PDB file of N, CA and C in Angstrom:
ATOM      1  N   UNK A   1     -40.929  -2.856   3.718  1.00  0.00           N
ATOM      2  CA  UNK A   1     -39.601  -1.781   2.995  1.00  0.00           C
ATOM      3  C   UNK A   1     -40.556  -0.577   2.751  1.00  0.00           C
ATOM      4  N   UNK A   2     -40.030   0.521   3.046  1.00  0.00           N
ATOM      5  CA  UNK A   2     -40.921   1.744   2.971  1.00  0.00           C
ATOM      6  C   UNK A   2     -39.895   2.758   2.371  1.00  0.00           C
ATOM      7  N   UNK A   3     -39.219   2.253   1.067  1.00  0.00           N
ATOM      8  CA  UNK A   3     -38.657   2.703   0.362  1.00  0.00           C
ATOM      9  C   UNK A   3     -39.401   3.578  -0.627  1.00  0.00           C
ATOM     10  N   UNK A   4     -38.356   4.215  -1.491  1.00  0.00           N
ATOM     11  CA  UNK A   4     -39.355   4.752  -2.801  1.00  0.00           C
ATOM     12  C   UNK A   4     -39.957   3.970  -3.490  1.00  0.00           C
ATOM     13  N   UNK A   5     -41.328   4.826  -4.050  1.00  0.00           N
ATOM     14  CA  UNK A   5     -41.716   3.933  -5.163  1.00  0.00           C
ATOM     15  C   UNK A   5     -42.031   4.130  -6.390  1.00  0.00           C
ATOM     16  N   UNK A   6     -41.142   5.671  -6.862  1.00  0.00           N
ATOM     17  CA  UNK A   6     -41.201   6.160  -7.863  1.00  0.00           C
ATOM     18  C   UNK A   6     -40.129   5.644  -8.830  1.00  0.00           C
ATOM     19  N   UNK A   7     -40.139   5.144  -9.780  1.00  0.00           N
ATOM     20  CA  UNK A   7     -38.672   4.042 -10.769  1.00  0.00           C
ATOM     21  C   UNK A   7     -37.774   5.393 -10.764  1.00  0.00           C
ATOM     22  N   UNK A   8     -37.898   6.784 -10.905  1.00  0.00           N
ATOM     23  CA  UNK A   8     -36.898   7.661 -11.233  1.00  0.00           C
ATOM     24  C   UNK A   8     -36.303   7.721 -10.198  1.00  0.00           C
ATOM     25  N   UNK A   9     -36.922   8.042  -8.948  1.00  0.00           N
ATOM     26  CA  UNK A   9     -36.081   7.681  -8.055  1.00  0.00           C
ATOM     27  C   UNK A   9     -35.364   6.575  -7.256  1.00  0.00           C
ATOM     28  N   UNK A  10     -35.924   5.483  -7.463  1.00  0.00           N
ATOM     29  CA  UNK A  10     -35.125   4.186  -7.224  1.00  0.00           C
ATOM     30  C   UNK A  10     -33.484   4.123  -8.152  1.00  0.00           C
ATOM     31  N   UNK A  11     -33.961   4.904  -9.435  1.00  0.00           N
ATOM     32  CA  UNK A  11     -32.686   4.738 -10.188  1.00  0.00           C
ATOM     33  C   UNK A  11     -31.777   5.548  -9.841  1.00  0.00           C
ATOM     34  N   UNK A  12     -32.389   6.804  -9.125  1.00  0.00           N
ATOM     35  CA  UNK A  12     -31.158   8.225  -8.477  1.00  0.00           C
ATOM     36  C   UNK A  12     -30.250   7.022  -7.452  1.00  0.00           C
ATOM     37  N   UNK A  13     -31.177   6.981  -6.624  1.00  0.00           N
ATOM     38  CA  UNK A  13     -30.674   5.885  -5.515  1.00  0.00           C
ATOM     39  C   UNK A  13     -29.519   4.967  -5.825  1.00  0.00           C
ATOM     40  N   UNK A  14     -30.220   4.026  -7.023  1.00  0.00           N
ATOM     41  CA  UNK A  14     -28.960   2.886  -7.042  1.00  0.00           C
ATOM     42  C   UNK A  14     -27.831   4.170  -7.765  1.00  0.00           C
ATOM     43  N   UNK A  15     -27.918   4.727  -8.507  1.00  0.00           N
ATOM     44  CA  UNK A  15     -26.719   5.567  -9.153  1.00  0.00           C
ATOM     45  C   UNK A  15     -25.844   6.426  -7.830  1.00  0.00           C
ATOM     46  N   UNK A  16     -26.491   6.769  -6.912  1.00  0.00           N
ATOM     47  CA  UNK A  16     -25.918   7.382  -5.990  1.00  0.00           C
ATOM     48  C   UNK A  16     -24.977   6.114  -5.189  1.00  0.00           C
ATOM     49  N   UNK A  17     -25.101   5.125  -4.906  1.00  0.00           N
ATOM     50  CA  UNK A  17     -24.825   4.496  -4.503  1.00  0.00           C
ATOM     51  C   UNK A  17     -23.807   3.507  -5.194  1.00  0.00           C
ATOM     52  N   UNK A  18     -23.718   3.395  -6.264  1.00  0.00           N
ATOM     53  CA  UNK A  18     -22.633   2.906  -7.545  1.00  0.00           C
ATOM     54  C   UNK A  18     -21.396   3.912  -7.239  1.00  0.00           C
ATOM     55  N   UNK A  19     -21.934   5.378  -7.402  1.00  0.00           N
ATOM     56  CA  UNK A  19     -20.845   6.358  -7.278  1.00  0.00           C
ATOM     57  C   UNK A  19     -20.229   6.050  -6.165  1.00  0.00           C
ATOM     58  N   UNK A  20     -21.239   6.022  -4.661  1.00  0.00           N
ATOM     59  CA  UNK A  20     -20.027   6.112  -3.101  1.00  0.00           C
ATOM     60  C   UNK A  20     -19.210   4.526  -3.199  1.00  0.00           C
ATOM     61  N   UNK A  21     -19.776   3.685  -3.924  1.00  0.00           N
ATOM     62  CA  UNK A  21     -19.096   2.290  -3.426  1.00  0.00           C
ATOM     63  C   UNK A  21     -17.658   2.366  -4.783  1.00  0.00           C
ATOM     64  N   UNK A  22     -18.102   3.716  -6.114  1.00  0.00           N
ATOM     65  CA  UNK A  22     -16.495   3.373  -6.646  1.00  0.00           C
ATOM     66  C   UNK A  22     -15.641   4.281  -6.210  1.00  0.00           C
ATOM     67  N   UNK A  23     -16.303   5.225  -5.057  1.00  0.00           N
ATOM     68  CA  UNK A  23     -14.964   6.203  -4.670  1.00  0.00           C
ATOM     69  C   UNK A  23     -14.608   5.046  -3.116  1.00  0.00           C
ATOM     70  N   UNK A  24     -15.320   4.454  -2.643  1.00  0.00           N
ATOM     71  CA  UNK A  24     -14.926   3.463  -1.517  1.00  0.00           C
ATOM     72  C   UNK A  24     -13.706   2.543  -1.729  1.00  0.00           C
ATOM     73  N   UNK A  25     -14.555   1.569  -3.296  1.00  0.00           N
ATOM     74  CA  UNK A  25     -13.340   0.794  -3.983  1.00  0.00           C
ATOM     75  C   UNK A  25     -12.145   1.554  -4.134  1.00  0.00           C
ATOM     76  N   UNK A  26     -12.131   3.021  -4.890  1.00  0.00           N
ATOM     77  CA  UNK A  26     -10.690   3.398  -5.161  1.00  0.00           C
ATOM     78  C   UNK A  26      -9.792   3.832  -4.043  1.00  0.00           C
ATOM     79  N   UNK A  27     -10.661   4.320  -2.733  1.00  0.00           N
ATOM     80  CA  UNK A  27      -9.732   4.398  -1.300  1.00  0.00           C
ATOM     81  C   UNK A  27      -9.128   3.189  -0.849  1.00  0.00           C
ATOM     82  N   UNK A  28      -9.752   2.371  -1.015  1.00  0.00           N
ATOM     83  CA  UNK A  28      -9.285   0.846  -0.489  1.00  0.00           C
ATOM     84  C   UNK A  28      -7.737   0.276  -1.575  1.00  0.00           C
ATOM     85  N   UNK A  29      -8.134   0.586  -2.974  1.00  0.00           N
ATOM     86  CA  UNK A  29      -7.300   0.827  -3.694  1.00  0.00           C
ATOM     87  C   UNK A  29      -5.898   1.121  -3.884  1.00  0.00           C
ATOM     88  N   UNK A  30      -5.753   3.088  -2.873  1.00  0.00           N
ATOM     89  CA  UNK A  30      -4.976   3.460  -3.152  1.00  0.00           C
ATOM     90  C   UNK A  30      -4.276   3.084  -1.870  1.00  0.00           C
ATOM     91  N   UNK A  31      -5.008   2.728  -0.703  1.00  0.00           N
ATOM     92  CA  UNK A  31      -4.386   2.361   0.514  1.00  0.00           C
ATOM     93  C   UNK A  31      -3.742   1.141   0.868  1.00  0.00           C
ATOM     94  N   UNK A  32      -3.998   0.013  -0.329  1.00  0.00           N
ATOM     95  CA  UNK A  32      -3.698  -1.446  -0.534  1.00  0.00           C
ATOM     96  C   UNK A  32      -2.296  -1.071  -1.449  1.00  0.00           C
ATOM     97  N   UNK A  33      -1.786  -0.224  -2.436  1.00  0.00           N
ATOM     98  CA  UNK A  33      -0.837   0.285  -2.982  1.00  0.00           C
ATOM     99  C   UNK A  33       0.437   0.520  -2.317  1.00  0.00           C
ATOM    100  N   UNK A  34       0.721  -0.457  -1.923  1.00  0.00           N
ATOM    101  CA  UNK A  34       1.978   0.052  -0.673  1.00  0.00           C
ATOM    102  C   UNK A  34       3.178   0.633  -1.624  1.00  0.00           C
ATOM    103  N   UNK A  35       3.773  -0.310  -2.395  1.00  0.00           N
ATOM    104  CA  UNK A  35       4.772   0.761  -3.248  1.00  0.00           C
ATOM    105  C   UNK A  35       4.606   1.983  -3.732  1.00  0.00           C
ATOM    106  N   UNK A  36       3.391   2.383  -4.616  1.00  0.00           N
ATOM    107  CA  UNK A  36       3.067   3.695  -4.608  1.00  0.00           C
ATOM    108  C   UNK A  36       2.748   4.867  -3.515  1.00  0.00           C
ATOM    109  N   UNK A  37       2.640   3.875  -2.222  1.00  0.00           N
ATOM    110  CA  UNK A  37       2.597   5.039  -0.777  1.00  0.00           C
ATOM    111  C   UNK A  37       4.033   4.759  -0.267  1.00  0.00           C
ATOM    112  N   UNK A  38       4.814   4.103  -0.912  1.00  0.00           N
ATOM    113  CA  UNK A  38       6.227   4.087  -0.193  1.00  0.00           C
ATOM    114  C   UNK A  38       7.117   5.476  -1.034  1.00  0.00           C
ATOM    115  N   UNK A  39       6.626   5.258  -2.307  1.00  0.00           N
ATOM    116  CA  UNK A  39       6.921   6.620  -2.929  1.00  0.00           C
ATOM    117  C   UNK A  39       6.636   7.551  -3.237  1.00  0.00           C
ATOM    118  N   UNK A  40       5.626   7.753  -2.600  1.00  0.00           N
ATOM    119  CA  UNK A  40       4.387   9.028  -2.282  1.00  0.00           C
ATOM    120  C   UNK A  40       5.590   9.699  -1.314  1.00  0.00           C
ATOM    121  N   UNK A  41       5.636   8.413   0.166  1.00  0.00           N
ATOM    122  CA  UNK A  41       6.285   8.995   1.579  1.00  0.00           C
ATOM    123  C   UNK A  41       7.662   9.767   1.105  1.00  0.00           C
ATOM    124  N   UNK A  42       8.874   8.510  -0.285  1.00  0.00           N
ATOM    125  CA  UNK A  42       9.793   8.939   0.105  1.00  0.00           C
ATOM    126  C   UNK A  42       9.971  10.565  -1.217  1.00  0.00           C
ATOM    127  N   UNK A  43       8.798  10.656  -1.614  1.00  0.00           N
ATOM    128  CA  UNK A  43       9.177  12.304  -2.750  1.00  0.00           C
ATOM    129  C   UNK A  43       8.592  13.195  -1.777  1.00  0.00           C
ATOM    130  N   UNK A  44       7.696  13.059  -0.364  1.00  0.00           N
ATOM    131  CA  UNK A  44       7.439  14.085   0.243  1.00  0.00           C
ATOM    132  C   UNK A  44       8.639  14.674   1.275  1.00  0.00           C
ATOM    133  N   UNK A  45       9.358  13.357   1.746  1.00  0.00           N
ATOM    134  CA  UNK A  45      10.740  13.322   2.827  1.00  0.00           C
ATOM    135  C   UNK A  45      11.486  14.108   1.928  1.00  0.00           C
ATOM    136  N   UNK A  46      11.692  13.886   0.809  1.00  0.00           N
ATOM    137  CA  UNK A  46      12.887  14.930   0.126  1.00  0.00           C
ATOM    138  C   UNK A  46      12.306  16.322  -0.422  1.00  0.00           C
ATOM    139  N   UNK A  47      11.130  16.234  -0.540  1.00  0.00           N
ATOM    140  CA  UNK A  47      10.729  17.979  -0.682  1.00  0.00           C
ATOM    141  C   UNK A  47      10.456  18.654   0.519  1.00  0.00           C
ATOM    142  N   UNK A  48      10.948  17.730   1.477  1.00  0.00           N
ATOM    143  CA  UNK A  48      11.081  18.407   2.779  1.00  0.00           C
ATOM    144  C   UNK A  48      12.349  18.741   3.692  1.00  0.00           C
ATOM    145  N   UNK A  49      13.123  17.840   2.367  1.00  0.00           N
ATOM    146  CA  UNK A  49      14.788  18.227   3.158  1.00  0.00           C
ATOM    147  C   UNK A  49      15.238  19.070   2.410  1.00  0.00           C
ATOM    148  N   UNK A  50      14.773  19.392   1.338  1.00  0.00           N
ATOM    149  CA  UNK A  50      15.083  20.163   0.043  1.00  0.00           C
ATOM    150  C   UNK A  50      14.602  21.626   0.674  1.00  0.00           C
ATOM    151  N   UNK A  51      13.456  21.378   0.937  1.00  0.00           N
ATOM    152  CA  UNK A  51      12.547  22.985   1.340  1.00  0.00           C
ATOM    153  C   UNK A  51      13.511  23.201   2.733  1.00  0.00           C
ATOM    154  N   UNK A  52      14.027  22.290   3.478  1.00  0.00           N
ATOM    155  CA  UNK A  52      14.836  22.471   5.152  1.00  0.00           C
ATOM    156  C   UNK A  52      16.012  23.478   4.647  1.00  0.00           C
ATOM    157  N   UNK A  53      16.644  22.685   3.816  1.00  0.00           N
ATOM    158  CA  UNK A  53      17.592  22.898   2.985  1.00  0.00           C
ATOM    159  C   UNK A  53      17.879  24.321   2.240  1.00  0.00           C
ATOM    160  N   UNK A  54      16.860  24.469   1.648  1.00  0.00           N
ATOM    161  CA  UNK A  54      16.780  25.822   0.923  1.00  0.00           C
ATOM    162  C   UNK A  54      16.435  27.128   2.210  1.00  0.00           C
ATOM    163  N   UNK A  55      15.990  26.600   2.935  1.00  0.00           N
ATOM    164  CA  UNK A  55      15.681  27.882   4.319  1.00  0.00           C
ATOM    165  C   UNK A  55      16.817  28.161   5.164  1.00  0.00           C
ATOM    166  N   UNK A  56      17.531  27.169   5.409  1.00  0.00           N
ATOM    167  CA  UNK A  56      18.236  27.000   6.311  1.00  0.00           C
ATOM    168  C   UNK A  56      20.066  26.124   5.681  1.00  0.00           C
ATOM    169  N   UNK A  57      20.595  26.461   4.894  1.00  0.00           N
ATOM    170  CA  UNK A  57      21.524  25.462   4.891  1.00  0.00           C
ATOM    171  C   UNK A  57      22.799  25.017   6.014  1.00  0.00           C
ATOM    172  N   UNK A  58      23.027  26.305   6.675  1.00  0.00           N
ATOM    173  CA  UNK A  58      23.930  25.745   7.797  1.00  0.00           C
ATOM    174  C   UNK A  58      23.660  24.666   8.671  1.00  0.00           C
ATOM    175  N   UNK A  59      22.028  24.595   8.945  1.00  0.00           N
ATOM    176  CA  UNK A  59      21.432  23.586  10.043  1.00  0.00           C
ATOM    177  C   UNK A  59      21.801  22.597   9.203  1.00  0.00           C
ATOM    178  N   UNK A  60      21.274  22.288   8.038  1.00  0.00           N
ATOM    179  CA  UNK A  60      21.065  21.124   7.864  1.00  0.00           C
ATOM    180  C   UNK A  60      23.159  20.492   7.485  1.00  0.00           C
ATOM    181  N   UNK A  61      23.493  21.538   6.873  1.00  0.00           N
ATOM    182  CA  UNK A  61      24.999  20.934   7.034  1.00  0.00           C
ATOM    183  C   UNK A  61      25.310  20.597   7.981  1.00  0.00           C
ATOM    184  N   UNK A  62      25.109  21.423   8.889  1.00  0.00           N
ATOM    185  CA  UNK A  62      25.672  20.789  10.532  1.00  0.00           C
ATOM    186  C   UNK A  62      24.965  19.576  11.081  1.00  0.00           C
ATOM    187  N   UNK A  63      23.645  18.984  10.332  1.00  0.00           N
ATOM    188  CA  UNK A  63      22.768  18.047  11.461  1.00  0.00           C
ATOM    189  C   UNK A  63      23.490  16.697  10.756  1.00  0.00           C
ATOM    190  N   UNK A  64      23.602  17.101   8.975  1.00  0.00           N
ATOM    191  CA  UNK A  64      24.400  15.808   8.136  1.00  0.00           C
ATOM    192  C   UNK A  64      25.700  15.474   8.721  1.00  0.00           C
ATOM    193  N   UNK A  65      26.720  16.453   9.065  1.00  0.00           N
ATOM    194  CA  UNK A  65      27.993  16.224   9.495  1.00  0.00           C
ATOM    195  C   UNK A  65      27.597  15.667  11.203  1.00  0.00           C
ATOM    196  N   UNK A  66      26.815  16.038  12.234  1.00  0.00           N
ATOM    197  CA  UNK A  66      26.623  15.126  13.053  1.00  0.00           C
ATOM    198  C   UNK A  66      26.553  14.089  13.387  1.00  0.00           C
ATOM    199  N   UNK A  67      25.326  13.325  12.181  1.00  0.00           N
ATOM    200  CA  UNK A  67      24.929  11.993  11.858  1.00  0.00           C
ATOM    201  C   UNK A  67      26.163  11.494  11.483  1.00  0.00           C
ATOM    202  N   UNK A  68      26.782  11.900  10.271  1.00  0.00           N
ATOM    203  CA  UNK A  68      28.123  11.142  10.160  1.00  0.00           C
ATOM    204  C   UNK A  68      28.827  10.963  11.524  1.00  0.00           C
ATOM    205  N   UNK A  69      29.134  12.063  12.111  1.00  0.00           N
ATOM    206  CA  UNK A  69      30.002  11.340  13.160  1.00  0.00           C
ATOM    207  C   UNK A  69      29.236  10.661  14.092  1.00  0.00           C
ATOM    208  N   UNK A  70      28.241  10.334  14.629  1.00  0.00           N
ATOM    209  CA  UNK A  70      27.485   9.780  15.068  1.00  0.00           C
ATOM    210  C   UNK A  70      27.619   8.107  14.635  1.00  0.00           C
ATOM    211  N   UNK A  71      27.712   7.770  13.207  1.00  0.00           N
ATOM    212  CA  UNK A  71      27.280   6.795  12.477  1.00  0.00           C
ATOM    213  C   UNK A  71      28.877   6.136  12.576  1.00  0.00           C
ATOM    214  N   UNK A  72      29.933   7.142  12.431  1.00  0.00           N
ATOM    215  CA  UNK A  72      31.283   6.591  12.596  1.00  0.00           C
ATOM    216  C   UNK A  72      31.883   6.228  13.937  1.00  0.00           C
ATOM    217  N   UNK A  73      31.093   7.200  14.850  1.00  0.00           N
ATOM    218  CA  UNK A  73      31.396   6.483  16.596  1.00  0.00           C
ATOM    219  C   UNK A  73      30.831   5.229  16.610  1.00  0.00           C
ATOM    220  N   UNK A  74      29.757   4.952  16.261  1.00  0.00           N
ATOM    221  CA  UNK A  74      29.518   3.764  16.397  1.00  0.00           C
ATOM    222  C   UNK A  74      30.046   2.644  15.723  1.00  0.00           C
ATOM    223  N   UNK A  75      30.880   2.849  14.624  1.00  0.00           N
ATOM    224  CA  UNK A  75      31.498   2.140  13.186  1.00  0.00           C
ATOM    225  C   UNK A  75      32.932   1.794  14.843  1.00  0.00           C
ATOM    226  N   UNK A  76      33.268   2.888  15.058  1.00  0.00           N
ATOM    227  CA  UNK A  76      34.389   2.511  15.723  1.00  0.00           C
ATOM    228  C   UNK A  76      34.320   1.677  17.092  1.00  0.00           C
ATOM    229  N   UNK A  77      33.150   2.206  17.835  1.00  0.00           N
ATOM    230  CA  UNK A  77      32.941   1.664  18.853  1.00  0.00           C
ATOM    231  C   UNK A  77      32.970  -0.030  18.931  1.00  0.00           C
ATOM    232  N   UNK A  78      31.924  -0.512  17.704  1.00  0.00           N
ATOM    233  CA  UNK A  78      31.812  -1.939  17.178  1.00  0.00           C
ATOM    234  C   UNK A  78      33.501  -2.617  17.162  1.00  0.00           C
ATOM    235  N   UNK A  79      34.117  -1.984  16.218  1.00  0.00           N
ATOM    236  CA  UNK A  79      35.522  -2.634  15.694  1.00  0.00           C
ATOM    237  C   UNK A  79      36.343  -2.740  17.055  1.00  0.00           C
ATOM    238  N   UNK A  80      36.191  -1.808  17.994  1.00  0.00           N
ATOM    239  CA  UNK A  80      37.057  -1.964  19.289  1.00  0.00           C
ATOM    240  C   UNK A  80      36.271  -3.102  20.257  1.00  0.00           C
ATOM    241  N   UNK A  81      35.272  -3.224  20.207  1.00  0.00           N
ATOM    242  CA  UNK A  81      34.761  -4.295  20.837  1.00  0.00           C
ATOM    243  C   UNK A  81      34.866  -5.476  20.471  1.00  0.00           C
ATOM    244  N   UNK A  82      34.736  -5.462  18.670  1.00  0.00           N
ATOM    245  CA  UNK A  82      34.943  -6.997  18.546  1.00  0.00           C
ATOM    246  C   UNK A  82      36.571  -7.014  18.523  1.00  0.00           C
ATOM    247  N   UNK A  83      37.330  -6.500  18.554  1.00  0.00           N
ATOM    248  CA  UNK A  83      38.803  -6.702  18.986  1.00  0.00           C
ATOM    249  C   UNK A  83      39.095  -7.033  20.032  1.00  0.00           C
ATOM    250  N   UNK A  84      38.521  -6.494  20.741  1.00  0.00           N
ATOM    251  CA  UNK A  84      38.835  -6.904  22.294  1.00  0.00           C
ATOM    252  C   UNK A  84      38.309  -8.224  22.973  1.00  0.00           C
ATOM    253  N   UNK A  85      37.119  -8.579  22.258  1.00  0.00           N
ATOM    254  CA  UNK A  85      37.065 -10.121  22.654  1.00  0.00           C
ATOM    255  C   UNK A  85      37.718 -10.876  21.743  1.00  0.00           C
ATOM    256  N   UNK A  86      38.412 -10.545  20.697  1.00  0.00           N
ATOM    257  CA  UNK A  86      39.016 -11.388  20.168  1.00  0.00           C
ATOM    258  C   UNK A  86      40.336 -11.533  20.796  1.00  0.00           C
ATOM    259  N   UNK A  87      40.516 -10.524  21.280  1.00  0.00           N
ATOM    260  CA  UNK A  87      42.046 -10.382  22.147  1.00  0.00           C
ATOM    261  C   UNK A  87      41.633 -11.605  23.549  1.00  0.00           C
ATOM    262  N   UNK A  88      40.489 -11.133  24.584  1.00  0.00           N
ATOM    263  CA  UNK A  88      40.178 -12.400  25.179  1.00  0.00           C
ATOM    264  C   UNK A  88      39.825 -13.760  25.117  1.00  0.00           C
ATOM    265  N   UNK A  89      39.516 -13.887  23.705  1.00  0.00           N
ATOM    266  CA  UNK A  89      39.555 -15.199  23.701  1.00  0.00           C
ATOM    267  C   UNK A  89      40.779 -15.720  22.945  1.00  0.00           C
ATOM    268  N   UNK A  90      42.253 -14.933  22.627  1.00  0.00           N
ATOM    269  CA  UNK A  90      43.148 -15.960  22.339  1.00  0.00           C
ATOM    270  C   UNK A  90      43.934 -15.720  23.633  1.00  0.00           C
ATOM    271  N   UNK A  91      43.525 -14.924  24.426  1.00  0.00           N
ATOM    272  CA  UNK A  91      44.292 -15.247  25.995  1.00  0.00           C
ATOM    273  C   UNK A  91      43.825 -16.734  26.390  1.00  0.00           C
ATOM    274  N   UNK A  92      42.781 -17.045  26.332  1.00  0.00           N
ATOM    275  CA  UNK A  92      42.046 -18.469  27.207  1.00  0.00           C
ATOM    276  C   UNK A  92      43.160 -19.507  26.659  1.00  0.00           C
TER     277      UNK A  92
END
């Protein structure tokens, strides 16, 4: 081992290693805290949506109406398929 022999230098290296280890543990804890990360992501998405709306309200309203129309279309299509399957079963 060819490390430092001065006790003050050894102590300084130990303190630096402890500080680095503490930062690493804090970062790992933050990465593993899934609920906090999900809340942070949701808050960012909300902020982005609000900012986008403030910049261009008609575009956001148009996108919301288009999305609602798409969802409604899928619901209607599924109901028609379900009804037509029921009719086929009754004919047998």
